[in-house]
PDB file of N, CA and C in Angstrom:
ATOM      1  N   MET A   1      -1.615   0.387  18.076  1.00  0.00           N
ATOM      2  CA  MET A   1      -0.766   0.253  16.772  1.00  0.00           C
ATOM      3  C   MET A   1      -1.811  -0.342  15.753  1.00  0.00           C
ATOM      4  N   VAL A   2      -2.171   0.628  14.893  1.00  0.00           N
ATOM      5  CA  VAL A   2      -3.016   0.167  13.667  1.00  0.00           C
ATOM      6  C   VAL A   2      -2.015  -0.659  12.464  1.00  0.00           C
ATOM      7  N   LYS A   3      -2.874  -1.636  12.077  1.00  0.00           N
ATOM      8  CA  LYS A   3      -2.023  -2.112  11.026  1.00  0.00           C
ATOM      9  C   LYS A   3      -2.669  -2.302   9.764  1.00  0.00           C
ATOM     10  N   HIS A   4      -2.190  -2.178   8.587  1.00  0.00           N
ATOM     11  CA  HIS A   4      -2.684  -2.336   7.462  1.00  0.00           C
ATOM     12  C   HIS A   4      -1.994  -3.066   6.167  1.00  0.00           C
ATOM     13  N   LEU A   5      -2.855  -3.530   5.488  1.00  0.00           N
ATOM     14  CA  LEU A   5      -2.008  -4.456   4.563  1.00  0.00           C
ATOM     15  C   LEU A   5      -1.234  -3.704   3.498  1.00  0.00           C
ATOM     16  N   ASP A   6      -0.383  -4.405   2.907  1.00  0.00           N
ATOM     17  CA  ASP A   6       0.698  -3.850   1.747  1.00  0.00           C
ATOM     18  C   ASP A   6      -0.127  -4.522   0.825  1.00  0.00           C
ATOM     19  N   PHE A   7      -0.721  -3.948  -0.223  1.00  0.00           N
ATOM     20  CA  PHE A   7      -1.321  -4.921  -1.192  1.00  0.00           C
ATOM     21  C   PHE A   7      -0.467  -5.476  -2.207  1.00  0.00           C
ATOM     22  N   VAL A   8       0.981  -5.039  -2.301  1.00  0.00           N
ATOM     23  CA  VAL A   8       1.650  -5.651  -3.300  1.00  0.00           C
ATOM     24  C   VAL A   8       2.322  -6.729  -2.619  1.00  0.00           C
ATOM     25  N   CYS A   9       2.977  -6.884  -1.300  1.00  0.00           N
ATOM     26  CA  CYS A   9       3.688  -8.030  -0.719  1.00  0.00           C
ATOM     27  C   CYS A   9       2.799  -8.618   0.173  1.00  0.00           C
ATOM     28  N   LYS A  10       1.472  -7.898   0.600  1.00  0.00           N
ATOM     29  CA  LYS A  10       0.530  -8.943   1.607  1.00  0.00           C
ATOM     30  C   LYS A  10       1.181  -8.505   2.876  1.00  0.00           C
ATOM     31  N   MET A  11       2.111  -7.860   3.142  1.00  0.00           N
ATOM     32  CA  MET A  11       2.638  -7.894   4.534  1.00  0.00           C
ATOM     33  C   MET A  11       1.586  -7.093   5.237  1.00  0.00           C
ATOM     34  N   ARG A  12       1.874  -7.079   6.584  1.00  0.00           N
ATOM     35  CA  ARG A  12       0.930  -6.122   7.565  1.00  0.00           C
ATOM     36  C   ARG A  12       2.084  -5.338   8.041  1.00  0.00           C
ATOM     37  N   VAL A  13       1.661  -3.871   7.966  1.00  0.00           N
ATOM     38  CA  VAL A  13       2.600  -2.735   8.189  1.00  0.00           C
ATOM     39  C   VAL A  13       1.697  -1.875   9.371  1.00  0.00           C
ATOM     40  N   ASP A  14       2.485  -1.172  10.153  1.00  0.00           N
ATOM     41  CA  ASP A  14       2.061  -0.278  11.208  1.00  0.00           C
ATOM     42  C   ASP A  14       2.033   1.116  10.266  1.00  0.00           C
ATOM     43  N   GLU A  15       0.757   1.647  10.831  1.00  0.00           N
ATOM     44  CA  GLU A  15       0.251   2.940  10.021  1.00  0.00           C
ATOM     45  C   GLU A  15       1.600   3.835  10.226  1.00  0.00           C
ATOM     46  N   GLU A  16       1.933   4.094  11.550  1.00  0.00           N
ATOM     47  CA  GLU A  16       3.232   5.019  11.747  1.00  0.00           C
ATOM     48  C   GLU A  16       4.237   4.980  10.995  1.00  0.00           C
ATOM     49  N   ASN A  17       4.777   3.650  10.935  1.00  0.00           N
ATOM     50  CA  ASN A  17       5.893   3.415   9.980  1.00  0.00           C
ATOM     51  C   ASN A  17       5.962   3.157   8.649  1.00  0.00           C
ATOM     52  N   SER A  18       4.718   3.377   8.016  1.00  0.00           N
ATOM     53  CA  SER A  18       4.606   3.032   6.443  1.00  0.00           C
ATOM     54  C   SER A  18       4.692   3.739   5.534  1.00  0.00           C
ATOM     55  N   ILE A  19       4.820   3.831   4.497  1.00  0.00           N
ATOM     56  CA  ILE A  19       4.790   4.893   3.440  1.00  0.00           C
ATOM     57  C   ILE A  19       3.503   4.892   2.730  1.00  0.00           C
ATOM     58  N   LYS A  20       2.695   5.907   3.123  1.00  0.00           N
ATOM     59  CA  LYS A  20       1.390   6.217   2.698  1.00  0.00           C
ATOM     60  C   LYS A  20       1.164   6.951   1.271  1.00  0.00           C
ATOM     61  N   TYR A  21       0.140   6.414   0.573  1.00  0.00           N
ATOM     62  CA  TYR A  21      -0.184   7.012  -0.662  1.00  0.00           C
ATOM     63  C   TYR A  21      -1.518   7.114  -0.830  1.00  0.00           C
ATOM     64  N   GLU A  22      -2.028   8.079  -1.256  1.00  0.00           N
ATOM     65  CA  GLU A  22      -3.685   8.302  -1.781  1.00  0.00           C
ATOM     66  C   GLU A  22      -3.864   8.067  -3.035  1.00  0.00           C
ATOM     67  N   TRP A  23      -4.658   7.071  -3.415  1.00  0.00           N
ATOM     68  CA  TRP A  23      -5.466   7.017  -4.937  1.00  0.00           C
ATOM     69  C   TRP A  23      -6.675   6.295  -4.803  1.00  0.00           C
ATOM     70  N   ASN A  24      -7.347   7.661  -5.791  1.00  0.00           N
ATOM     71  CA  ASN A  24      -8.823   7.249  -6.119  1.00  0.00           C
ATOM     72  C   ASN A  24      -9.419   7.369  -4.564  1.00  0.00           C
ATOM     73  N   GLY A  25      -9.156   8.366  -3.855  1.00  0.00           N
ATOM     74  CA  GLY A  25      -9.692   8.837  -2.602  1.00  0.00           C
ATOM     75  C   GLY A  25      -9.251   7.769  -1.434  1.00  0.00           C
ATOM     76  N   LYS A  26      -8.801   7.182  -1.548  1.00  0.00           N
ATOM     77  CA  LYS A  26      -8.168   6.184  -0.490  1.00  0.00           C
ATOM     78  C   LYS A  26      -6.837   6.124  -0.273  1.00  0.00           C
ATOM     79  N   THR A  27      -6.492   5.979   1.104  1.00  0.00           N
ATOM     80  CA  THR A  27      -5.245   5.898   1.346  1.00  0.00           C
ATOM     81  C   THR A  27      -4.514   4.322   1.616  1.00  0.00           C
ATOM     82  N   TYR A  28      -3.536   4.044   1.126  1.00  0.00           N
ATOM     83  CA  TYR A  28      -2.656   2.913   1.042  1.00  0.00           C
ATOM     84  C   TYR A  28      -1.545   2.759   1.900  1.00  0.00           C
ATOM     85  N   TYR A  29      -1.193   2.062   2.185  1.00  0.00           N
ATOM     86  CA  TYR A  29       0.096   1.779   3.138  1.00  0.00           C
ATOM     87  C   TYR A  29       1.074   0.793   2.500  1.00  0.00           C
ATOM     88  N   PHE A  30       2.453   0.954   2.338  1.00  0.00           N
ATOM     89  CA  PHE A  30       3.178   0.270   1.929  1.00  0.00           C
ATOM     90  C   PHE A  30       4.528  -0.053   2.882  1.00  0.00           C
ATOM     91  N   CYS A  31       4.913  -1.072   2.972  1.00  0.00           N
ATOM     92  CA  CYS A  31       6.363  -1.615   3.692  1.00  0.00           C
ATOM     93  C   CYS A  31       7.612  -0.732   3.077  1.00  0.00           C
ATOM     94  N   SER A  32       7.570  -0.402   1.699  1.00  0.00           N
ATOM     95  CA  SER A  32       8.632  -0.149   1.399  1.00  0.00           C
ATOM     96  C   SER A  32       8.488   1.001   0.135  1.00  0.00           C
ATOM     97  N   GLN A  33       9.569   1.640  -0.634  1.00  0.00           N
ATOM     98  CA  GLN A  33       9.257   2.409  -1.482  1.00  0.00           C
ATOM     99  C   GLN A  33       8.886   1.429  -2.861  1.00  0.00           C
ATOM    100  N   GLU A  34       9.924   0.577  -2.769  1.00  0.00           N
ATOM    101  CA  GLU A  34       9.547  -0.694  -3.805  1.00  0.00           C
ATOM    102  C   GLU A  34       8.236  -1.274  -4.118  1.00  0.00           C
ATOM    103  N   CYS A  35       7.267  -1.351  -2.887  1.00  0.00           N
ATOM    104  CA  CYS A  35       6.179  -1.877  -3.054  1.00  0.00           C
ATOM    105  C   CYS A  35       5.078  -0.601  -3.462  1.00  0.00           C
ATOM    106  N   LEU A  36       5.398   0.558  -3.017  1.00  0.00           N
ATOM    107  CA  LEU A  36       4.739   1.891  -3.529  1.00  0.00           C
ATOM    108  C   LEU A  36       4.892   1.884  -5.018  1.00  0.00           C
ATOM    109  N   GLU A  37       6.267   1.895  -5.403  1.00  0.00           N
ATOM    110  CA  GLU A  37       6.512   1.763  -7.038  1.00  0.00           C
ATOM    111  C   GLU A  37       5.630   1.112  -7.817  1.00  0.00           C
ATOM    112  N   ALA A  38       5.631  -0.135  -7.389  1.00  0.00           N
ATOM    113  CA  ALA A  38       4.841  -1.301  -8.218  1.00  0.00           C
ATOM    114  C   ALA A  38       3.588  -0.865  -8.033  1.00  0.00           C
ATOM    115  N   PHE A  39       2.908  -0.402  -7.081  1.00  0.00           N
ATOM    116  CA  PHE A  39       1.695  -0.144  -6.988  1.00  0.00           C
ATOM    117  C   PHE A  39       1.248   0.834  -8.043  1.00  0.00           C
ATOM    118  N   LYS A  40       1.804   2.253  -7.876  1.00  0.00           N
ATOM    119  CA  LYS A  40       1.969   3.247  -8.641  1.00  0.00           C
ATOM    120  C   LYS A  40       2.117   2.845 -10.162  1.00  0.00           C
ATOM    121  N   GLU A  41       2.738   2.079 -10.595  1.00  0.00           N
ATOM    122  CA  GLU A  41       2.626   1.666 -12.069  1.00  0.00           C
ATOM    123  C   GLU A  41       1.407   1.009 -12.375  1.00  0.00           C
ATOM    124  N   ASN A  42       0.860   0.226 -11.753  1.00  0.00           N
ATOM    125  CA  ASN A  42      -0.552  -0.607 -11.889  1.00  0.00           C
ATOM    126  C   ASN A  42      -1.244  -0.800 -10.911  1.00  0.00           C
ATOM    127  N   PRO A  43      -2.139   0.216 -10.541  1.00  0.00           N
ATOM    128  CA  PRO A  43      -2.893   0.054  -8.962  1.00  0.00           C
ATOM    129  C   PRO A  43      -3.909  -1.296  -9.269  1.00  0.00           C
ATOM    130  N   GLU A  44      -4.690  -1.006 -10.459  1.00  0.00           N
ATOM    131  CA  GLU A  44      -5.771  -1.930 -10.650  1.00  0.00           C
ATOM    132  C   GLU A  44      -5.162  -3.532 -10.422  1.00  0.00           C
ATOM    133  N   ARG A  45      -3.980  -3.589 -10.825  1.00  0.00           N
ATOM    134  CA  ARG A  45      -3.590  -5.383 -10.377  1.00  0.00           C
ATOM    135  C   ARG A  45      -3.269  -5.807  -8.996  1.00  0.00           C
ATOM    136  N   TYR A  46      -3.451  -4.750  -8.143  1.00  0.00           N
ATOM    137  CA  TYR A  46      -3.080  -5.063  -6.800  1.00  0.00           C
ATOM    138  C   TYR A  46      -4.553  -4.815  -5.884  1.00  0.00           C
ATOM    139  N   ILE A  47      -5.473  -4.070  -6.550  1.00  0.00           N
ATOM    140  CA  ILE A  47      -6.958  -3.947  -6.116  1.00  0.00           C
ATOM    141  C   ILE A  47      -7.855  -4.757  -6.428  1.00  0.00           C
ATOM    142  N   GLU A  48      -8.379  -5.586  -5.575  1.00  0.00           N
ATOM    143  CA  GLU A  48      -9.489  -6.718  -5.733  1.00  0.00           C
ATOM    144  C   GLU A  48     -10.605  -5.784  -6.510  1.00  0.00           C
ATOM    145  N   LYS A  49     -11.333  -6.061  -7.240  1.00  0.00           N
ATOM    146  CA  LYS A  49     -12.517  -5.675  -8.061  1.00  0.00           C
ATOM    147  C   LYS A  49     -13.949  -5.934  -7.281  1.00  0.00           C
TER     148      LYS A  49
END
């Protein structure tokens, strides 16, 4: 089971059961639609520079 970090809430999510979203050529994984929407509104806020 592969785990990924939800960049919004910092929760670890399973790849199989998460919501996937591709941005800037990379796939991000989210625990909920709410976290995905927050990320979509301002991705730079959640991505470390």
